PDB file of N, CA and C in Angstrom:
ATOM      1  N   MET A   1      55.785 124.099  92.071  1.00  0.00           N
ATOM      2  CA  MET A   1      56.861 123.151  91.519  1.00  0.00           C
ATOM      3  C   MET A   1      57.469 122.416  92.675  1.00  0.00           C
ATOM      4  N   LYS A   2      57.811 121.159  92.333  1.00  0.00           N
ATOM      5  CA  LYS A   2      58.468 120.292  93.374  1.00  0.00           C
ATOM      6  C   LYS A   2      59.913 120.581  93.376  1.00  0.00           C
ATOM      7  N   ILE A   3      60.508 120.425  94.522  1.00  0.00           N
ATOM      8  CA  ILE A   3      61.966 120.826  94.745  1.00  0.00           C
ATOM      9  C   ILE A   3      62.723 119.637  95.324  1.00  0.00           C
ATOM     10  N   LEU A   4      63.811 119.356  94.678  1.00  0.00           N
ATOM     11  CA  LEU A   4      64.829 118.417  95.223  1.00  0.00           C
ATOM     12  C   LEU A   4      65.963 119.238  95.755  1.00  0.00           C
ATOM     13  N   TYR A   5      66.265 118.995  97.059  1.00  0.00           N
ATOM     14  CA  TYR A   5      67.284 119.777  97.723  1.00  0.00           C
ATOM     15  C   TYR A   5      68.623 119.020  97.693  1.00  0.00           C
ATOM     16  N   VAL A   6      69.713 119.744  97.451  1.00  0.00           N
ATOM     17  CA  VAL A   6      71.075 119.215  97.539  1.00  0.00           C
ATOM     18  C   VAL A   6      71.820 120.118  98.528  1.00  0.00           C
ATOM     19  N   ARG A   7      72.912 119.525  99.073  1.00  0.00           N
ATOM     20  CA  ARG A   7      73.654 120.359 100.060  1.00  0.00           C
ATOM     21  C   ARG A   7      74.502 121.386  99.259  1.00  0.00           C
ATOM     22  N   GLU A   8      74.775 122.438  99.968  1.00  0.00           N
ATOM     23  CA  GLU A   8      75.617 123.530  99.409  1.00  0.00           C
ATOM     24  C   GLU A   8      76.955 123.008  99.102  1.00  0.00           C
ATOM     25  N   HIS A   9      77.493 123.440  97.984  1.00  0.00           N
ATOM     26  CA  HIS A   9      78.826 123.099  97.506  1.00  0.00           C
ATOM     27  C   HIS A   9      78.893 121.605  97.063  1.00  0.00           C
ATOM     28  N   GLU A  10      77.792 120.949  96.915  1.00  0.00           N
ATOM     29  CA  GLU A  10      77.763 119.551  96.505  1.00  0.00           C
ATOM     30  C   GLU A  10      77.716 119.498  94.933  1.00  0.00           C
ATOM     31  N   THR A  11      78.685 118.808  94.362  1.00  0.00           N
ATOM     32  CA  THR A  11      78.634 118.680  92.880  1.00  0.00           C
ATOM     33  C   THR A  11      78.154 117.363  92.410  1.00  0.00           C
ATOM     34  N   ASP A  12      78.119 116.339  93.338  1.00  0.00           N
ATOM     35  CA  ASP A  12      77.568 115.051  92.963  1.00  0.00           C
ATOM     36  C   ASP A  12      77.022 114.420  94.247  1.00  0.00           C
ATOM     37  N   ILE A  13      76.132 113.471  94.066  1.00  0.00           N
ATOM     38  CA  ILE A  13      75.586 112.674  95.178  1.00  0.00           C
ATOM     39  C   ILE A  13      75.516 111.252  94.802  1.00  0.00           C
ATOM     40  N   GLU A  14      75.483 110.399  95.806  1.00  0.00           N
ATOM     41  CA  GLU A  14      75.408 108.961  95.645  1.00  0.00           C
ATOM     42  C   GLU A  14      74.002 108.663  94.997  1.00  0.00           C
ATOM     43  N   PHE A  15      74.001 107.698  94.030  1.00  0.00           N
ATOM     44  CA  PHE A  15      72.793 107.335  93.346  1.00  0.00           C
ATOM     45  C   PHE A  15      71.662 106.964  94.313  1.00  0.00           C
ATOM     46  N   ALA A  16      71.923 106.087  95.301  1.00  0.00           N
ATOM     47  CA  ALA A  16      70.922 105.710  96.279  1.00  0.00           C
ATOM     48  C   ALA A  16      70.323 106.906  96.995  1.00  0.00           C
ATOM     49  N   GLU A  17      71.167 107.881  97.345  1.00  0.00           N
ATOM     50  CA  GLU A  17      70.713 109.086  98.040  1.00  0.00           C
ATOM     51  C   GLU A  17      69.767 109.933  97.004  1.00  0.00           C
ATOM     52  N   PHE A  18      70.227 109.992  95.840  1.00  0.00           N
ATOM     53  CA  PHE A  18      69.437 110.741  94.773  1.00  0.00           C
ATOM     54  C   PHE A  18      68.079 110.122  94.680  1.00  0.00           C
ATOM     55  N   GLN A  19      68.025 108.769  94.600  1.00  0.00           N
ATOM     56  CA  GLN A  19      66.852 108.115  94.487  1.00  0.00           C
ATOM     57  C   GLN A  19      65.830 108.452  95.657  1.00  0.00           C
ATOM     58  N   GLN A  20      66.359 108.435  96.850  1.00  0.00           N
ATOM     59  CA  GLN A  20      65.609 108.841  98.142  1.00  0.00           C
ATOM     60  C   GLN A  20      65.157 110.220  97.978  1.00  0.00           C
ATOM     61  N   CYS A  21      66.013 111.181  97.629  1.00  0.00           N
ATOM     62  CA  CYS A  21      65.669 112.551  97.575  1.00  0.00           C
ATOM     63  C   CYS A  21      64.668 112.863  96.587  1.00  0.00           C
ATOM     64  N   LEU A  22      64.709 112.198  95.411  1.00  0.00           N
ATOM     65  CA  LEU A  22      63.736 112.380  94.343  1.00  0.00           C
ATOM     66  C   LEU A  22      62.365 111.903  94.786  1.00  0.00           C
ATOM     67  N   ALA A  23      62.334 110.802  95.485  1.00  0.00           N
ATOM     68  CA  ALA A  23      61.037 110.298  96.059  1.00  0.00           C
ATOM     69  C   ALA A  23      60.415 111.270  96.996  1.00  0.00           C
ATOM     70  N   VAL A  24      61.311 111.846  97.899  1.00  0.00           N
ATOM     71  CA  VAL A  24      60.796 112.811  98.838  1.00  0.00           C
ATOM     72  C   VAL A  24      60.322 114.041  98.094  1.00  0.00           C
ATOM     73  N   ALA A  25      60.983 114.539  97.096  1.00  0.00           N
ATOM     74  CA  ALA A  25      60.605 115.717  96.351  1.00  0.00           C
ATOM     75  C   ALA A  25      59.301 115.492  95.656  1.00  0.00           C
ATOM     76  N   LEU A  26      59.112 114.321  95.034  1.00  0.00           N
ATOM     77  CA  LEU A  26      57.832 113.996  94.333  1.00  0.00           C
ATOM     78  C   LEU A  26      56.645 113.852  95.302  1.00  0.00           C
ATOM     79  N   CYS A  27      56.953 113.385  96.527  1.00  0.00           N
ATOM     80  CA  CYS A  27      55.802 113.066  97.444  1.00  0.00           C
ATOM     81  C   CYS A  27      55.636 114.162  98.516  1.00  0.00           C
ATOM     82  N   ARG A  28      56.503 115.163  98.629  1.00  0.00           N
ATOM     83  CA  ARG A  28      56.436 116.110  99.722  1.00  0.00           C
ATOM     84  C   ARG A  28      55.099 116.724  99.899  1.00  0.00           C
ATOM     85  N   ASP A  29      54.420 117.123  98.843  1.00  0.00           N
ATOM     86  CA  ASP A  29      53.125 117.779  98.963  1.00  0.00           C
ATOM     87  C   ASP A  29      51.909 116.840  98.922  1.00  0.00           C
ATOM     88  N   HIS A  30      52.239 115.570  98.837  1.00  0.00           N
ATOM     89  CA  HIS A  30      51.108 114.555  98.733  1.00  0.00           C
ATOM     90  C   HIS A  30      50.435 114.448 100.075  1.00  0.00           C
ATOM     91  N   PRO A  31      49.054 114.392 100.091  1.00  0.00           N
ATOM     92  CA  PRO A  31      48.336 114.322 101.362  1.00  0.00           C
ATOM     93  C   PRO A  31      48.640 113.063 102.190  1.00  0.00           C
ATOM     94  N   GLN A  32      49.023 111.982 101.511  1.00  0.00           N
ATOM     95  CA  GLN A  32      49.339 110.765 102.174  1.00  0.00           C
ATOM     96  C   GLN A  32      50.866 110.467 101.864  1.00  0.00           C
ATOM     97  N   LEU A  33      51.709 111.134 102.493  1.00  0.00           N
ATOM     98  CA  LEU A  33      53.177 110.988 102.225  1.00  0.00           C
ATOM     99  C   LEU A  33      53.696 109.638 102.304  1.00  0.00           C
ATOM    100  N   ASN A  34      53.388 108.873 103.328  1.00  0.00           N
ATOM    101  CA  ASN A  34      53.909 107.529 103.414  1.00  0.00           C
ATOM    102  C   ASN A  34      53.417 106.643 102.391  1.00  0.00           C
ATOM    103  N   LEU A  35      52.180 106.796 101.899  1.00  0.00           N
ATOM    104  CA  LEU A  35      51.621 105.927 100.845  1.00  0.00           C
ATOM    105  C   LEU A  35      52.307 106.309  99.536  1.00  0.00           C
ATOM    106  N   CYS A  36      52.512 107.578  99.295  1.00  0.00           N
ATOM    107  CA  CYS A  36      53.204 107.969  98.116  1.00  0.00           C
ATOM    108  C   CYS A  36      54.671 107.403  98.087  1.00  0.00           C
ATOM    109  N   LEU A  37      55.378 107.553  99.136  1.00  0.00           N
ATOM    110  CA  LEU A  37      56.694 107.050  99.222  1.00  0.00           C
ATOM    111  C   LEU A  37      56.744 105.526  99.025  1.00  0.00           C
ATOM    112  N   ALA A  38      55.747 104.781  99.553  1.00  0.00           N
ATOM    113  CA  ALA A  38      55.725 103.363  99.414  1.00  0.00           C
ATOM    114  C   ALA A  38      55.507 102.992  97.927  1.00  0.00           C
ATOM    115  N   ALA A  39      54.584 103.721  97.241  1.00  0.00           N
ATOM    116  CA  ALA A  39      54.321 103.419  95.890  1.00  0.00           C
ATOM    117  C   ALA A  39      55.547 103.712  95.011  1.00  0.00           C
ATOM    118  N   LEU A  40      56.312 104.789  95.336  1.00  0.00           N
ATOM    119  CA  LEU A  40      57.492 105.114  94.594  1.00  0.00           C
ATOM    120  C   LEU A  40      58.616 104.160  94.848  1.00  0.00           C
ATOM    121  N   ALA A  41      58.630 103.532  96.029  1.00  0.00           N
ATOM    122  CA  ALA A  41      59.680 102.569  96.365  1.00  0.00           C
ATOM    123  C   ALA A  41      59.672 101.398  95.399  1.00  0.00           C
ATOM    124  N   GLU A  42      58.501 101.117  94.904  1.00  0.00           N
ATOM    125  CA  GLU A  42      58.404  99.993  93.895  1.00  0.00           C
ATOM    126  C   GLU A  42      58.826 100.450  92.484  1.00  0.00           C
ATOM    127  N   GLU A  43      58.352 101.610  92.048  1.00  0.00           N
ATOM    128  CA  GLU A  43      58.509 102.039  90.637  1.00  0.00           C
ATOM    129  C   GLU A  43      59.719 102.882  90.363  1.00  0.00           C
ATOM    130  N   LEU A  44      60.199 103.730  91.292  1.00  0.00           N
ATOM    131  CA  LEU A  44      61.208 104.665  91.006  1.00  0.00           C
ATOM    132  C   LEU A  44      62.503 103.951  90.762  1.00  0.00           C
ATOM    133  N   PRO A  45      62.919 102.960  91.519  1.00  0.00           N
ATOM    134  CA  PRO A  45      64.198 102.311  91.213  1.00  0.00           C
ATOM    135  C   PRO A  45      64.259 101.718  89.762  1.00  0.00           C
ATOM    136  N   LYS A  46      63.148 101.129  89.284  1.00  0.00           N
ATOM    137  CA  LYS A  46      63.062 100.589  87.925  1.00  0.00           C
ATOM    138  C   LYS A  46      63.137 101.741  86.935  1.00  0.00           C
ATOM    139  N   GLU A  47      62.482 102.847  87.184  1.00  0.00           N
ATOM    140  CA  GLU A  47      62.511 103.951  86.293  1.00  0.00           C
ATOM    141  C   GLU A  47      63.927 104.591  86.191  1.00  0.00           C
ATOM    142  N   LEU A  48      64.601 104.730  87.327  1.00  0.00           N
ATOM    143  CA  LEU A  48      65.915 105.362  87.295  1.00  0.00           C
ATOM    144  C   LEU A  48      66.986 104.356  86.662  1.00  0.00           C
ATOM    145  N   GLU A  49      66.826 103.094  86.942  1.00  0.00           N
ATOM    146  CA  GLU A  49      67.721 102.199  86.338  1.00  0.00           C
ATOM    147  C   GLU A  49      67.568 102.166  84.774  1.00  0.00           C
ATOM    148  N   ALA A  50      66.357 102.276  84.344  1.00  0.00           N
ATOM    149  CA  ALA A  50      66.079 102.314  82.828  1.00  0.00           C
ATOM    150  C   ALA A  50      66.663 103.613  82.325  1.00  0.00           C
ATOM    151  N   ALA A  51      66.606 104.702  83.053  1.00  0.00           N
ATOM    152  CA  ALA A  51      67.176 105.964  82.582  1.00  0.00           C
ATOM    153  C   ALA A  51      68.663 105.825  82.516  1.00  0.00           C
ATOM    154  N   VAL A  52      69.260 105.201  83.434  1.00  0.00           N
ATOM    155  CA  VAL A  52      70.757 105.034  83.409  1.00  0.00           C
ATOM    156  C   VAL A  52      71.150 104.198  82.213  1.00  0.00           C
ATOM    157  N   PHE A  53      70.418 103.073  81.927  1.00  0.00           N
ATOM    158  CA  PHE A  53      70.727 102.277  80.825  1.00  0.00           C
ATOM    159  C   PHE A  53      70.459 102.949  79.395  1.00  0.00           C
ATOM    160  N   ALA A  54      69.453 103.835  79.444  1.00  0.00           N
ATOM    161  CA  ALA A  54      69.193 104.574  78.218  1.00  0.00           C
ATOM    162  C   ALA A  54      70.040 105.790  77.987  1.00  0.00           C
ATOM    163  N   GLY A  55      70.945 106.094  78.961  1.00  0.00           N
ATOM    164  CA  GLY A  55      71.850 107.123  78.769  1.00  0.00           C
ATOM    165  C   GLY A  55      71.258 108.499  79.153  1.00  0.00           C
ATOM    166  N   LYS A  56      70.100 108.483  79.784  1.00  0.00           N
ATOM    167  CA  LYS A  56      69.421 109.792  80.157  1.00  0.00           C
ATOM    168  C   LYS A  56      69.932 110.216  81.490  1.00  0.00           C
ATOM    169  N   LEU A  57      70.445 109.357  82.305  1.00  0.00           N
ATOM    170  CA  LEU A  57      70.966 109.714  83.672  1.00  0.00           C
ATOM    171  C   LEU A  57      72.384 109.090  83.810  1.00  0.00           C
ATOM    172  N   PRO A  58      73.358 109.796  83.485  1.00  0.00           N
ATOM    173  CA  PRO A  58      74.718 109.301  83.540  1.00  0.00           C
ATOM    174  C   PRO A  58      75.136 109.130  85.013  1.00  0.00           C
ATOM    175  N   VAL A  59      75.769 108.017  85.341  1.00  0.00           N
ATOM    176  CA  VAL A  59      76.301 107.773  86.635  1.00  0.00           C
ATOM    177  C   VAL A  59      77.863 107.634  86.585  1.00  0.00           C
ATOM    178  N   LYS A  60      78.520 108.008  87.655  1.00  0.00           N
ATOM    179  CA  LYS A  60      79.989 108.034  87.685  1.00  0.00           C
ATOM    180  C   LYS A  60      80.496 107.002  88.668  1.00  0.00           C
ATOM    181  N   ASN A  61      81.572 106.397  88.395  1.00  0.00           N
ATOM    182  CA  ASN A  61      82.346 105.544  89.346  1.00  0.00           C
ATOM    183  C   ASN A  61      82.813 106.456  90.470  1.00  0.00           C
ATOM    184  N   PRO A  62      82.553 106.032  91.772  1.00  0.00           N
ATOM    185  CA  PRO A  62      82.863 106.905  92.908  1.00  0.00           C
ATOM    186  C   PRO A  62      84.358 107.057  93.031  1.00  0.00           C
ATOM    187  N   LEU A  63      85.222 106.222  92.561  1.00  0.00           N
ATOM    188  CA  LEU A  63      86.611 106.370  92.742  1.00  0.00           C
ATOM    189  C   LEU A  63      87.288 107.178  91.697  1.00  0.00           C
ATOM    190  N   SER A  64      86.921 106.942  90.445  1.00  0.00           N
ATOM    191  CA  SER A  64      87.560 107.629  89.319  1.00  0.00           C
ATOM    192  C   SER A  64      86.780 108.852  88.777  1.00  0.00           C
ATOM    193  N   MET A  65      85.459 108.839  89.124  1.00  0.00           N
ATOM    194  CA  MET A  65      84.519 109.806  88.614  1.00  0.00           C
ATOM    195  C   MET A  65      84.448 109.736  87.120  1.00  0.00           C
ATOM    196  N   GLY A  66      84.850 108.643  86.486  1.00  0.00           N
ATOM    197  CA  GLY A  66      84.650 108.323  85.095  1.00  0.00           C
ATOM    198  C   GLY A  66      83.282 107.659  85.045  1.00  0.00           C
ATOM    199  N   PRO A  67      82.904 107.361  83.833  1.00  0.00           N
ATOM    200  CA  PRO A  67      81.606 106.638  83.685  1.00  0.00           C
ATOM    201  C   PRO A  67      81.620 105.305  84.401  1.00  0.00           C
ATOM    202  N   GLU A  68      80.487 105.010  85.105  1.00  0.00           N
ATOM    203  CA  GLU A  68      80.375 103.675  85.744  1.00  0.00           C
ATOM    204  C   GLU A  68      80.119 102.632  84.631  1.00  0.00           C
ATOM    205  N   LEU A  69      81.031 101.691  84.452  1.00  0.00           N
ATOM    206  CA  LEU A  69      80.890 100.776  83.336  1.00  0.00           C
ATOM    207  C   LEU A  69      79.919  99.621  83.580  1.00  0.00           C
ATOM    208  N   PHE A  70      79.662  99.303  84.797  1.00  0.00           N
ATOM    209  CA  PHE A  70      78.682  98.241  85.104  1.00  0.00           C
ATOM    210  C   PHE A  70      77.709  98.694  86.129  1.00  0.00           C
ATOM    211  N   PRO A  71      76.784  99.596  85.817  1.00  0.00           N
ATOM    212  CA  PRO A  71      75.881 100.200  86.731  1.00  0.00           C
ATOM    213  C   PRO A  71      74.754  99.199  87.160  1.00  0.00           C
ATOM    214  N   ILE A  72      75.106  98.135  87.903  1.00  0.00           N
ATOM    215  CA  ILE A  72      74.155  97.147  88.241  1.00  0.00           C
ATOM    216  C   ILE A  72      74.306  96.872  89.726  1.00  0.00           C
ATOM    217  N   GLY A  73      73.233  96.654  90.440  1.00  0.00           N
ATOM    218  CA  GLY A  73      73.237  96.340  91.904  1.00  0.00           C
ATOM    219  C   GLY A  73      73.922  97.316  92.707  1.00  0.00           C
ATOM    220  N   GLU A  74      74.890  96.851  93.527  1.00  0.00           N
ATOM    221  CA  GLU A  74      75.624  97.718  94.461  1.00  0.00           C
ATOM    222  C   GLU A  74      76.460  98.678  93.796  1.00  0.00           C
ATOM    223  N   SER A  75      77.027  98.451  92.652  1.00  0.00           N
ATOM    224  CA  SER A  75      77.830  99.485  91.913  1.00  0.00           C
ATOM    225  C   SER A  75      76.926 100.590  91.406  1.00  0.00           C
ATOM    226  N   LEU A  76      75.651 100.291  91.152  1.00  0.00           N
ATOM    227  CA  LEU A  76      74.715 101.442  90.761  1.00  0.00           C
ATOM    228  C   LEU A  76      74.375 102.199  91.981  1.00  0.00           C
ATOM    229  N   ARG A  77      74.011 101.545  93.087  1.00  0.00           N
ATOM    230  CA  ARG A  77      73.610 102.259  94.318  1.00  0.00           C
ATOM    231  C   ARG A  77      74.718 103.151  94.829  1.00  0.00           C
ATOM    232  N   THR A  78      75.979 102.740  94.660  1.00  0.00           N
ATOM    233  CA  THR A  78      77.066 103.538  95.237  1.00  0.00           C
ATOM    234  C   THR A  78      77.692 104.448  94.161  1.00  0.00           C
ATOM    235  N   SER A  79      77.233 104.437  92.956  1.00  0.00           N
ATOM    236  CA  SER A  79      77.783 105.331  91.908  1.00  0.00           C
ATOM    237  C   SER A  79      77.291 106.787  92.292  1.00  0.00           C
ATOM    238  N   ARG A  80      77.931 107.729  91.604  1.00  0.00           N
ATOM    239  CA  ARG A  80      77.658 109.115  91.824  1.00  0.00           C
ATOM    240  C   ARG A  80      76.957 109.750  90.633  1.00  0.00           C
ATOM    241  N   VAL A  81      76.113 110.670  90.957  1.00  0.00           N
ATOM    242  CA  VAL A  81      75.382 111.422  89.919  1.00  0.00           C
ATOM    243  C   VAL A  81      75.605 112.885  90.081  1.00  0.00           C
ATOM    244  N   LEU A  82      76.092 113.576  88.972  1.00  0.00           N
ATOM    245  CA  LEU A  82      76.411 114.963  89.026  1.00  0.00           C
ATOM    246  C   LEU A  82      75.130 115.740  89.203  1.00  0.00           C
ATOM    247  N   VAL A  83      75.252 116.787  90.026  1.00  0.00           N
ATOM    248  CA  VAL A  83      74.061 117.639  90.263  1.00  0.00           C
ATOM    249  C   VAL A  83      73.584 118.265  88.947  1.00  0.00           C
ATOM    250  N   SER A  84      74.504 118.594  88.093  1.00  0.00           N
ATOM    251  CA  SER A  84      74.064 119.178  86.760  1.00  0.00           C
ATOM    252  C   SER A  84      73.218 118.163  86.029  1.00  0.00           C
ATOM    253  N   ASP A  85      73.637 116.908  86.056  1.00  0.00           N
ATOM    254  CA  ASP A  85      72.832 115.841  85.377  1.00  0.00           C
ATOM    255  C   ASP A  85      71.506 115.596  86.100  1.00  0.00           C
ATOM    256  N   ILE A  86      71.495 115.794  87.365  1.00  0.00           N
ATOM    257  CA  ILE A  86      70.202 115.645  88.123  1.00  0.00           C
ATOM    258  C   ILE A  86      69.262 116.702  87.674  1.00  0.00           C
ATOM    259  N   ARG A  87      69.790 117.958  87.607  1.00  0.00           N
ATOM    260  CA  ARG A  87      68.962 119.114  87.179  1.00  0.00           C
ATOM    261  C   ARG A  87      68.241 118.808  85.864  1.00  0.00           C
ATOM    262  N   THR A  88      68.994 118.256  84.921  1.00  0.00           N
ATOM    263  CA  THR A  88      68.523 118.020  83.603  1.00  0.00           C
ATOM    264  C   THR A  88      67.443 116.926  83.673  1.00  0.00           C
ATOM    265  N   TYR A  89      67.738 115.838  84.335  1.00  0.00           N
ATOM    266  CA  TYR A  89      66.898 114.690  84.450  1.00  0.00           C
ATOM    267  C   TYR A  89      65.554 115.042  85.167  1.00  0.00           C
ATOM    268  N   VAL A  90      65.624 115.662  86.324  1.00  0.00           N
ATOM    269  CA  VAL A  90      64.399 115.931  87.076  1.00  0.00           C
ATOM    270  C   VAL A  90      63.518 117.041  86.432  1.00  0.00           C
ATOM    271  N   ALA A  91      64.108 117.972  85.643  1.00  0.00           N
ATOM    272  CA  ALA A  91      63.379 119.022  85.055  1.00  0.00           C
ATOM    273  C   ALA A  91      62.293 118.478  84.170  1.00  0.00           C
ATOM    274  N   GLU A  92      62.431 117.311  83.604  1.00  0.00           N
ATOM    275  CA  GLU A  92      61.445 116.653  82.732  1.00  0.00           C
ATOM    276  C   GLU A  92      60.248 116.221  83.572  1.00  0.00           C
ATOM    277  N   ARG A  93      60.465 116.051  84.915  1.00  0.00           N
ATOM    278  CA  ARG A  93      59.402 115.538  85.781  1.00  0.00           C
ATOM    279  C   ARG A  93      58.733 116.813  86.537  1.00  0.00           C
ATOM    280  N   GLY A  94      59.143 117.984  86.157  1.00  0.00           N
ATOM    281  CA  GLY A  94      58.598 119.147  86.848  1.00  0.00           C
ATOM    282  C   GLY A  94      59.214 119.360  88.192  1.00  0.00           C
ATOM    283  N   VAL A  95      60.424 118.980  88.398  1.00  0.00           N
ATOM    284  CA  VAL A  95      61.105 119.122  89.691  1.00  0.00           C
ATOM    285  C   VAL A  95      62.366 120.066  89.437  1.00  0.00           C
ATOM    286  N   SER A  96      62.553 120.911  90.363  1.00  0.00           N
ATOM    287  CA  SER A  96      63.693 121.773  90.258  1.00  0.00           C
ATOM    288  C   SER A  96      64.728 121.399  91.404  1.00  0.00           C
ATOM    289  N   VAL A  97      65.910 121.791  91.266  1.00  0.00           N
ATOM    290  CA  VAL A  97      66.970 121.551  92.224  1.00  0.00           C
ATOM    291  C   VAL A  97      67.301 122.809  92.985  1.00  0.00           C
ATOM    292  N   ALA A  98      67.340 122.754  94.337  1.00  0.00           N
ATOM    293  CA  ALA A  98      67.627 123.972  95.146  1.00  0.00           C
ATOM    294  C   ALA A  98      68.706 123.515  96.129  1.00  0.00           C
ATOM    295  N   VAL A  99      69.421 124.491  96.510  1.00  0.00           N
ATOM    296  CA  VAL A  99      70.554 124.291  97.469  1.00  0.00           C
ATOM    297  C   VAL A  99      70.165 124.504  98.958  1.00  0.00           C
ATOM    298  N   MET A 100      70.515 123.522  99.750  1.00  0.00           N
ATOM    299  CA  MET A 100      70.289 123.652 101.197  1.00  0.00           C
ATOM    300  C   MET A 100      71.531 124.246 101.816  1.00  0.00           C
ATOM    301  N   PRO A 101      71.508 125.032 102.826  1.00  0.00           N
ATOM    302  CA  PRO A 101      72.661 125.541 103.497  1.00  0.00           C
ATOM    303  C   PRO A 101      73.562 124.462 103.993  1.00  0.00           C
ATOM    304  N   GLU A 102      74.833 124.565 104.084  1.00  0.00           N
ATOM    305  CA  GLU A 102      75.746 123.605 104.506  1.00  0.00           C
ATOM    306  C   GLU A 102      75.497 123.054 105.855  1.00  0.00           C
ATOM    307  N   VAL A 103      74.922 123.824 106.722  1.00  0.00           N
ATOM    308  CA  VAL A 103      74.637 123.354 108.142  1.00  0.00           C
ATOM    309  C   VAL A 103      73.550 122.212 108.161  1.00  0.00           C
ATOM    310  N   VAL A 104      72.817 122.080 107.096  1.00  0.00           N
ATOM    311  CA  VAL A 104      71.818 121.005 107.059  1.00  0.00           C
ATOM    312  C   VAL A 104      72.573 119.681 106.677  1.00  0.00           C
ATOM    313  N   LYS A 105      72.488 118.690 107.550  1.00  0.00           N
ATOM    314  CA  LYS A 105      73.258 117.450 107.362  1.00  0.00           C
ATOM    315  C   LYS A 105      72.582 116.544 106.288  1.00  0.00           C
ATOM    316  N   GLN A 106      71.279 116.521 106.279  1.00  0.00           N
ATOM    317  CA  GLN A 106      70.613 115.617 105.355  1.00  0.00           C
ATOM    318  C   GLN A 106      69.955 116.484 104.275  1.00  0.00           C
ATOM    319  N   ALA A 107      70.279 116.145 103.014  1.00  0.00           N
ATOM    320  CA  ALA A 107      69.786 116.936 101.858  1.00  0.00           C
ATOM    321  C   ALA A 107      68.290 116.824 101.753  1.00  0.00           C
ATOM    322  N   CYS A 108      67.724 115.564 101.758  1.00  0.00           N
ATOM    323  CA  CYS A 108      66.319 115.461 101.509  1.00  0.00           C
ATOM    324  C   CYS A 108      65.504 115.369 102.802  1.00  0.00           C
ATOM    325  N   ILE A 109      65.003 116.468 103.124  1.00  0.00           N
ATOM    326  CA  ILE A 109      64.265 116.628 104.424  1.00  0.00           C
ATOM    327  C   ILE A 109      62.788 116.372 104.107  1.00  0.00           C
ATOM    328  N   THR A 110      62.132 115.538 104.916  1.00  0.00           N
ATOM    329  CA  THR A 110      60.723 115.197 104.690  1.00  0.00           C
ATOM    330  C   THR A 110      59.721 116.113 105.407  1.00  0.00           C
ATOM    331  N   THR A 111      59.995 117.361 105.390  1.00  0.00           N
ATOM    332  CA  THR A 111      58.988 118.212 106.055  1.00  0.00           C
ATOM    333  C   THR A 111      57.831 118.454 105.160  1.00  0.00           C
ATOM    334  N   VAL A 112      56.575 118.388 105.782  1.00  0.00           N
ATOM    335  CA  VAL A 112      55.428 118.553 104.979  1.00  0.00           C
ATOM    336  C   VAL A 112      54.545 119.594 105.600  1.00  0.00           C
TER     337      VAL A 112
END
């Protein structure tokens, strides 16, 4: 199973970081990691944006943590996604969410 790592005690992450971490999780075991990441760089943003608009991936305003009313462009990239919503969304793709120890600074590590 593919694993998306989040930092310990993290309840939400920035949408742009989630997008990057999901790409790493999906490509981590791929024999051509860079090729896989490049392919996802084209498709994944469109897929995630569509999921936001369809209500399948709720995003929060980073200041109020209420729903992001206009999740477009920079406001989408800087919006927050709850880890609980990430778990639900990525489970459909065969990805689980695991916790990294707090000492790890970057959640999505590209070790292969």
